[in-house]
Amino acid sequence: MSNKFLTLVENSIARYSNGGLLVGDVVKFVKNYKSKDSYKSLSDDVKDFIDNFIKTDKNLRVVDIKTMFPSSAPGDNTNRGNAFSVELAIELAPGSYDLQNKVTVPSNILTTANTYSNLPDIPDSLRKKEKINHKPVAPEEAEESPYNPYLQTLMSQDGNNLRRSETKLLNKNVAIPAMPATGDKVPEVKGFNSAYKPLPTEIK
């Protein structure tokens, strides 16, 4: 339990030592992001790209976090500084990102989206528009072809021919023909107790 608790604590510390974001987070832009000085300092081309970037209804995922003051020891949190840039990509499908159209933005114009149990909402563009419930249809058995995958489970090899297997449950007992072995009166297999004497249950 202590190891799991330490893992949770370390993850929380890592999140708030990287500007409050982690790779894989679903984020959204704050409402007044255009009034931020960090946004105003961007070039016009980047601003236009961001404005078109957020028009999609798909989820925006963090694919990389870059410190604005890189050092020779990036693994040491004391050298990372307190300003970060975040690389974003559009999630085309669960686990598939549009890495060809990434954009790097300042971290202070982003906030984490409210998702439950790390499962973001499904965008409307990925939802099925037609509300049709298809009823299951039984497979066709008219064509007695040995190459039919469904019929292959119903056929048995009988020499060079195929015959229909007995796969139906008739809900009744079937008498299996059997005859005892030589010297036995019943066709039952001799068990352990019939071949060996039972162990004593009491110690004399």
C-alpha atoms as a PDB file:
ATOM      1  CA  MET A   1       0.000   0.000   0.000  1.00  0.00           C
ATOM      2  CA  SER A   2       2.894   2.365   0.785  1.00  0.00           C
ATOM      3  CA  ASN A   3       4.360   1.940  -2.716  1.00  0.00           C
ATOM      4  CA  LYS A   4       1.011   2.775  -4.336  1.00  0.00           C
ATOM      5  CA  PHE A   5       0.644   5.834  -2.107  1.00  0.00           C
ATOM      6  CA  LEU A   6       4.119   7.060  -3.034  1.00  0.00           C
ATOM      7  CA  THR A   7       3.279   6.604  -6.727  1.00  0.00           C
ATOM      8  CA  LEU A   8       0.195   8.810  -6.354  1.00  0.00           C
ATOM      9  CA  VAL A   9       2.165  11.468  -4.471  1.00  0.00           C
ATOM     10  CA  GLU A  10       4.967  11.456  -7.048  1.00  0.00           C
ATOM     11  CA  ASN A  11       2.486  11.825  -9.899  1.00  0.00           C
ATOM     12  CA  SER A  12       0.852  14.777  -8.163  1.00  0.00           C
ATOM     13  CA  ILE A  13       4.206  16.458  -7.577  1.00  0.00           C
ATOM     14  CA  ALA A  14       5.210  15.881 -11.212  1.00  0.00           C
ATOM     15  CA  ARG A  15       1.981  17.464 -12.423  1.00  0.00           C
ATOM     16  CA  TYR A  16       2.442  20.653 -10.443  1.00  0.00           C
ATOM     17  CA  SER A  17       6.133  20.876 -11.238  1.00  0.00           C
ATOM     18  CA  ASN A  18       5.317  20.969 -14.982  1.00  0.00           C
ATOM     19  CA  GLY A  19       2.912  23.865 -14.985  1.00  0.00           C
ATOM     20  CA  GLY A  20      -0.041  21.754 -13.787  1.00  0.00           C
ATOM     21  CA  LEU A  21      -0.202  19.603 -16.936  1.00  0.00           C
ATOM     22  CA  LEU A  22       0.979  16.150 -17.902  1.00  0.00           C
ATOM     23  CA  VAL A  23       1.468  14.481 -21.267  1.00  0.00           C
ATOM     24  CA  GLY A  24      -1.818  12.840 -22.251  1.00  0.00           C
ATOM     25  CA  ASP A  25      -4.070  15.378 -20.530  1.00  0.00           C
ATOM     26  CA  VAL A  26      -7.147  16.668 -22.308  1.00  0.00           C
ATOM     27  CA  VAL A  27      -7.024  20.460 -22.208  1.00  0.00           C
ATOM     28  CA  LYS A  28      -8.953  23.466 -23.392  1.00  0.00           C
ATOM     29  CA  PHE A  29      -8.147  27.130 -23.805  1.00  0.00           C
ATOM     30  CA  VAL A  30      -9.171  29.554 -21.073  1.00  0.00           C
ATOM     31  CA  LYS A  31     -11.947  31.975 -21.970  1.00  0.00           C
ATOM     32  CA  ASN A  32      -9.784  35.124 -21.992  1.00  0.00           C
ATOM     33  CA  TYR A  33      -6.707  33.553 -23.583  1.00  0.00           C
ATOM     34  CA  LYS A  34      -6.476  36.331 -26.200  1.00  0.00           C
ATOM     35  CA  SER A  35      -5.974  38.915 -23.470  1.00  0.00           C
ATOM     36  CA  LYS A  36      -2.925  37.122 -22.043  1.00  0.00           C
ATOM     37  CA  ASP A  37       0.443  38.738 -22.677  1.00  0.00           C
ATOM     38  CA  SER A  38       1.897  35.351 -23.617  1.00  0.00           C
ATOM     39  CA  TYR A  39      -0.670  35.039 -26.415  1.00  0.00           C
ATOM     40  CA  LYS A  40      -0.136  38.615 -27.607  1.00  0.00           C
ATOM     41  CA  SER A  41       3.597  37.971 -27.901  1.00  0.00           C
ATOM     42  CA  LEU A  42       3.020  35.196 -30.464  1.00  0.00           C
ATOM     43  CA  SER A  43       3.372  35.862 -34.167  1.00  0.00           C
ATOM     44  CA  ASP A  44       0.287  36.511 -36.269  1.00  0.00           C
ATOM     45  CA  ASP A  45       0.667  33.201 -38.102  1.00  0.00           C
ATOM     46  CA  VAL A  46       0.673  31.276 -34.835  1.00  0.00           C
ATOM     47  CA  LYS A  47      -2.341  33.235 -33.593  1.00  0.00           C
ATOM     48  CA  ASP A  48      -4.309  32.400 -36.745  1.00  0.00           C
ATOM     49  CA  PHE A  49      -3.330  28.759 -36.463  1.00  0.00           C
ATOM     50  CA  ILE A  50      -4.468  28.619 -32.824  1.00  0.00           C
ATOM     51  CA  ASP A  51      -7.778  30.314 -33.629  1.00  0.00           C
ATOM     52  CA  ASN A  52      -8.485  27.718 -36.326  1.00  0.00           C
ATOM     53  CA  PHE A  53      -7.056  24.943 -34.174  1.00  0.00           C
ATOM     54  CA  ILE A  54      -9.638  25.340 -31.423  1.00  0.00           C
ATOM     55  CA  LYS A  55     -12.627  25.396 -33.778  1.00  0.00           C
ATOM     56  CA  THR A  56     -12.700  21.606 -33.803  1.00  0.00           C
ATOM     57  CA  ASP A  57     -14.987  19.763 -31.401  1.00  0.00           C
ATOM     58  CA  LYS A  58     -12.450  16.960 -31.002  1.00  0.00           C
ATOM     59  CA  ASN A  59     -10.365  16.613 -27.853  1.00  0.00           C
ATOM     60  CA  LEU A  60      -7.068  18.476 -27.545  1.00  0.00           C
ATOM     61  CA  ARG A  61      -4.315  16.308 -26.083  1.00  0.00           C
ATOM     62  CA  VAL A  62      -0.982  17.310 -24.560  1.00  0.00           C
ATOM     63  CA  VAL A  63       1.764  15.478 -26.462  1.00  0.00           C
ATOM     64  CA  ASP A  64       4.790  17.256 -24.992  1.00  0.00           C
ATOM     65  CA  ILE A  65       5.760  19.750 -22.292  1.00  0.00           C
ATOM     66  CA  LYS A  66       8.789  21.967 -22.899  1.00  0.00           C
ATOM     67  CA  THR A  67      10.494  24.160 -20.351  1.00  0.00           C
ATOM     68  CA  MET A  68      11.299  27.691 -21.503  1.00  0.00           C
ATOM     69  CA  PHE A  69      14.641  27.540 -19.652  1.00  0.00           C
ATOM     70  CA  PRO A  70      16.304  24.272 -20.659  1.00  0.00           C
ATOM     71  CA  SER A  71      19.324  23.115 -18.690  1.00  0.00           C
ATOM     72  CA  SER A  72      21.985  20.444 -18.944  1.00  0.00           C
ATOM     73  CA  ALA A  73      20.174  18.405 -16.278  1.00  0.00           C
ATOM     74  CA  PRO A  74      16.556  18.169 -17.472  1.00  0.00           C
ATOM     75  CA  GLY A  75      15.811  15.371 -15.004  1.00  0.00           C
ATOM     76  CA  ASP A  76      16.389  17.690 -12.056  1.00  0.00           C
ATOM     77  CA  ASN A  77      13.202  19.625 -11.238  1.00  0.00           C
ATOM     78  CA  THR A  78      15.198  22.423  -9.602  1.00  0.00           C
ATOM     79  CA  ASN A  79      16.645  23.342 -13.022  1.00  0.00           C
ATOM     80  CA  ARG A  80      13.391  23.324 -14.964  1.00  0.00           C
ATOM     81  CA  GLY A  81      12.209  26.795 -14.091  1.00  0.00           C
ATOM     82  CA  ASN A  82       8.612  27.927 -13.730  1.00  0.00           C
ATOM     83  CA  ALA A  83       7.569  28.718 -17.326  1.00  0.00           C
ATOM     84  CA  PHE A  84       6.519  26.016 -19.776  1.00  0.00           C
ATOM     85  CA  SER A  85       5.293  25.640 -23.323  1.00  0.00           C
ATOM     86  CA  VAL A  86       2.807  22.902 -24.137  1.00  0.00           C
ATOM     87  CA  GLU A  87       2.611  21.028 -27.427  1.00  0.00           C
ATOM     88  CA  LEU A  88      -0.950  20.152 -28.443  1.00  0.00           C
ATOM     89  CA  ALA A  89      -2.443  17.800 -31.013  1.00  0.00           C
ATOM     90  CA  ILE A  90      -6.009  17.009 -32.028  1.00  0.00           C
ATOM     91  CA  GLU A  91      -7.226  13.550 -31.044  1.00  0.00           C
ATOM     92  CA  LEU A  92      -8.613  12.059 -34.253  1.00  0.00           C
ATOM     93  CA  ALA A  93      -9.719   8.866 -32.491  1.00  0.00           C
ATOM     94  CA  PRO A  94      -8.978   7.315 -29.100  1.00  0.00           C
ATOM     95  CA  GLY A  95      -5.201   6.900 -29.022  1.00  0.00           C
ATOM     96  CA  SER A  96      -4.664   8.448 -32.485  1.00  0.00           C
ATOM     97  CA  TYR A  97      -3.362  12.020 -32.655  1.00  0.00           C
ATOM     98  CA  ASP A  98      -2.838  14.384 -35.584  1.00  0.00           C
ATOM     99  CA  LEU A  99       0.906  14.792 -35.039  1.00  0.00           C
ATOM    100  CA  GLN A 100       1.376  16.489 -38.409  1.00  0.00           C
ATOM    101  CA  ASN A 101      -0.507  19.601 -37.229  1.00  0.00           C
ATOM    102  CA  LYS A 102       0.829  20.152 -33.725  1.00  0.00           C
ATOM    103  CA  VAL A 103       1.035  23.575 -32.132  1.00  0.00           C
ATOM    104  CA  THR A 104       3.079  24.863 -29.202  1.00  0.00           C
ATOM    105  CA  VAL A 105       1.355  27.342 -26.890  1.00  0.00           C
ATOM    106  CA  PRO A 106       2.145  28.879 -23.486  1.00  0.00           C
ATOM    107  CA  SER A 107       0.880  26.836 -20.571  1.00  0.00           C
ATOM    108  CA  ASN A 108      -0.889  29.759 -18.879  1.00  0.00           C
ATOM    109  CA  ILE A 109      -3.570  29.940 -21.607  1.00  0.00           C
ATOM    110  CA  LEU A 110      -4.620  26.309 -21.034  1.00  0.00           C
ATOM    111  CA  THR A 111      -6.593  24.503 -18.405  1.00  0.00           C
ATOM    112  CA  THR A 112      -7.369  20.839 -17.929  1.00  0.00           C
ATOM    113  CA  ALA A 113     -10.758  19.683 -19.190  1.00  0.00           C
ATOM    114  CA  ASN A 114     -13.123  18.251 -16.612  1.00  0.00           C
ATOM    115  CA  THR A 115     -13.019  14.522 -17.361  1.00  0.00           C
ATOM    116  CA  TYR A 116     -14.133  11.694 -15.112  1.00  0.00           C
ATOM    117  CA  SER A 117     -11.800   8.759 -14.589  1.00  0.00           C
ATOM    118  CA  ASN A 118      -9.540   9.941 -17.454  1.00  0.00           C
ATOM    119  CA  LEU A 119     -12.309   9.293 -19.977  1.00  0.00           C
ATOM    120  CA  PRO A 120     -13.074  12.454 -21.992  1.00  0.00           C
ATOM    121  CA  ASP A 121     -16.397  13.103 -23.644  1.00  0.00           C
ATOM    122  CA  ILE A 122     -16.994  11.721 -27.120  1.00  0.00           C
ATOM    123  CA  PRO A 123     -17.145  14.584 -29.668  1.00  0.00           C
ATOM    124  CA  ASP A 124     -20.329  14.983 -31.676  1.00  0.00           C
ATOM    125  CA  SER A 125     -18.383  14.554 -34.916  1.00  0.00           C
ATOM    126  CA  LEU A 126     -17.458  11.004 -33.847  1.00  0.00           C
ATOM    127  CA  ARG A 127     -20.960  10.000 -32.812  1.00  0.00           C
ATOM    128  CA  LYS A 128     -23.244   8.017 -35.067  1.00  0.00           C
ATOM    129  CA  LYS A 129     -25.927  10.240 -36.539  1.00  0.00           C
ATOM    130  CA  GLU A 130     -28.449   7.556 -37.506  1.00  0.00           C
ATOM    131  CA  LYS A 131     -30.443   6.153 -34.620  1.00  0.00           C
ATOM    132  CA  ILE A 132     -30.978   2.704 -36.111  1.00  0.00           C
ATOM    133  CA  ASN A 133     -31.013  -0.505 -34.118  1.00  0.00           C
ATOM    134  CA  HIS A 134     -30.202  -3.398 -36.413  1.00  0.00           C
ATOM    135  CA  LYS A 135     -31.852  -6.672 -35.520  1.00  0.00           C
ATOM    136  CA  PRO A 136     -29.654  -9.770 -35.662  1.00  0.00           C
ATOM    137  CA  VAL A 137     -30.165 -11.902 -38.763  1.00  0.00           C
ATOM    138  CA  ALA A 138     -29.525 -15.630 -38.756  1.00  0.00           C
ATOM    139  CA  PRO A 139     -26.841 -16.731 -41.212  1.00  0.00           C
ATOM    140  CA  GLU A 140     -27.962 -18.360 -44.405  1.00  0.00           C
ATOM    141  CA  GLU A 141     -27.505 -22.121 -44.624  1.00  0.00           C
ATOM    142  CA  ALA A 142     -28.956 -22.737 -48.063  1.00  0.00           C
ATOM    143  CA  GLU A 143     -25.608 -23.223 -49.750  1.00  0.00           C
ATOM    144  CA  GLU A 144     -23.997 -26.443 -48.527  1.00  0.00           C
ATOM    145  CA  SER A 145     -20.456 -25.339 -49.248  1.00  0.00           C
ATOM    146  CA  PRO A 146     -17.483 -26.752 -47.325  1.00  0.00           C
ATOM    147  CA  TYR A 147     -15.832 -23.318 -47.563  1.00  0.00           C
ATOM    148  CA  ASN A 148     -18.647 -21.588 -45.678  1.00  0.00           C
ATOM    149  CA  PRO A 149     -17.095 -20.612 -42.286  1.00  0.00           C
ATOM    150  CA  TYR A 150     -20.406 -20.983 -40.496  1.00  0.00           C
ATOM    151  CA  LEU A 151     -21.140 -24.400 -41.988  1.00  0.00           C
ATOM    152  CA  GLN A 152     -17.636 -25.628 -41.209  1.00  0.00           C
ATOM    153  CA  THR A 153     -18.594 -25.746 -37.545  1.00  0.00           C
ATOM    154  CA  LEU A 154     -21.660 -27.865 -38.395  1.00  0.00           C
ATOM    155  CA  MET A 155     -19.988 -30.386 -40.695  1.00  0.00           C
ATOM    156  CA  SER A 156     -17.879 -33.452 -39.879  1.00  0.00           C
ATOM    157  CA  GLN A 157     -15.459 -35.358 -42.069  1.00  0.00           C
ATOM    158  CA  ASP A 158     -16.821 -38.736 -43.150  1.00  0.00           C
ATOM    159  CA  GLY A 159     -14.180 -40.250 -45.375  1.00  0.00           C
ATOM    160  CA  ASN A 160     -14.000 -38.057 -48.479  1.00  0.00           C
ATOM    161  CA  ASN A 161     -17.402 -36.516 -47.799  1.00  0.00           C
ATOM    162  CA  LEU A 162     -18.854 -34.079 -45.313  1.00  0.00           C
ATOM    163  CA  ARG A 163     -21.913 -34.834 -43.249  1.00  0.00           C
ATOM    164  CA  ARG A 164     -23.992 -32.674 -40.920  1.00  0.00           C
ATOM    165  CA  SER A 165     -22.827 -33.023 -37.323  1.00  0.00           C
ATOM    166  CA  GLU A 166     -25.192 -33.755 -34.483  1.00  0.00           C
ATOM    167  CA  THR A 167     -24.843 -30.456 -32.666  1.00  0.00           C
ATOM    168  CA  LYS A 168     -28.413 -29.935 -31.485  1.00  0.00           C
ATOM    169  CA  LEU A 169     -29.382 -30.370 -27.856  1.00  0.00           C
ATOM    170  CA  LEU A 170     -32.514 -32.532 -27.647  1.00  0.00           C
ATOM    171  CA  ASN A 171     -32.903 -32.063 -23.865  1.00  0.00           C
ATOM    172  CA  LYS A 172     -33.165 -35.784 -23.250  1.00  0.00           C
ATOM    173  CA  ASN A 173     -30.841 -38.516 -22.121  1.00  0.00           C
ATOM    174  CA  VAL A 174     -29.158 -40.533 -24.843  1.00  0.00           C
ATOM    175  CA  ALA A 175     -28.266 -44.123 -24.155  1.00  0.00           C
ATOM    176  CA  ILE A 176     -24.640 -44.734 -25.145  1.00  0.00           C
ATOM    177  CA  PRO A 177     -24.078 -48.346 -26.212  1.00  0.00           C
ATOM    178  CA  ALA A 178     -21.439 -50.032 -24.058  1.00  0.00           C
ATOM    179  CA  MET A 179     -20.438 -53.524 -23.031  1.00  0.00           C
ATOM    180  CA  PRO A 180     -18.347 -54.663 -20.081  1.00  0.00           C
ATOM    181  CA  ALA A 181     -14.758 -55.704 -20.537  1.00  0.00           C
ATOM    182  CA  THR A 182     -13.780 -59.337 -20.369  1.00  0.00           C
ATOM    183  CA  GLY A 183     -14.294 -60.631 -16.849  1.00  0.00           C
ATOM    184  CA  ASP A 184     -16.356 -57.633 -15.661  1.00  0.00           C
ATOM    185  CA  LYS A 185     -20.055 -57.684 -14.981  1.00  0.00           C
ATOM    186  CA  VAL A 186     -20.589 -53.945 -15.463  1.00  0.00           C
ATOM    187  CA  PRO A 187     -19.086 -51.562 -18.060  1.00  0.00           C
ATOM    188  CA  GLU A 188     -17.851 -49.190 -15.366  1.00  0.00           C
ATOM    189  CA  VAL A 189     -14.176 -48.352 -15.100  1.00  0.00           C
ATOM    190  CA  LYS A 190     -12.572 -49.655 -11.961  1.00  0.00           C
ATOM    191  CA  GLY A 191     -11.749 -46.822  -9.631  1.00  0.00           C
ATOM    192  CA  PHE A 192      -9.029 -46.435  -7.039  1.00  0.00           C
ATOM    193  CA  ASN A 193     -11.125 -47.826  -4.177  1.00  0.00           C
ATOM    194  CA  SER A 194     -12.003 -50.981  -6.081  1.00  0.00           C
ATOM    195  CA  ALA A 195      -8.364 -51.803  -6.847  1.00  0.00           C
ATOM    196  CA  TYR A 196      -6.901 -50.925  -3.432  1.00  0.00           C
ATOM    197  CA  LYS A 197      -8.133 -51.393   0.095  1.00  0.00           C
ATOM    198  CA  PRO A 198      -9.316 -48.213   1.779  1.00  0.00           C
ATOM    199  CA  LEU A 199      -7.071 -46.662   4.397  1.00  0.00           C
ATOM    200  CA  PRO A 200      -8.077 -47.190   8.021  1.00  0.00           C
ATOM    201  CA  THR A 201     -10.058 -44.396   9.576  1.00  0.00           C
ATOM    202  CA  GLU A 202      -8.998 -45.195  13.172  1.00  0.00           C
ATOM    203  CA  ILE A 203      -5.595 -45.849  14.719  1.00  0.00           C
ATOM    204  CA  LYS A 204      -5.575 -48.914  16.931  1.00  0.00           C
END
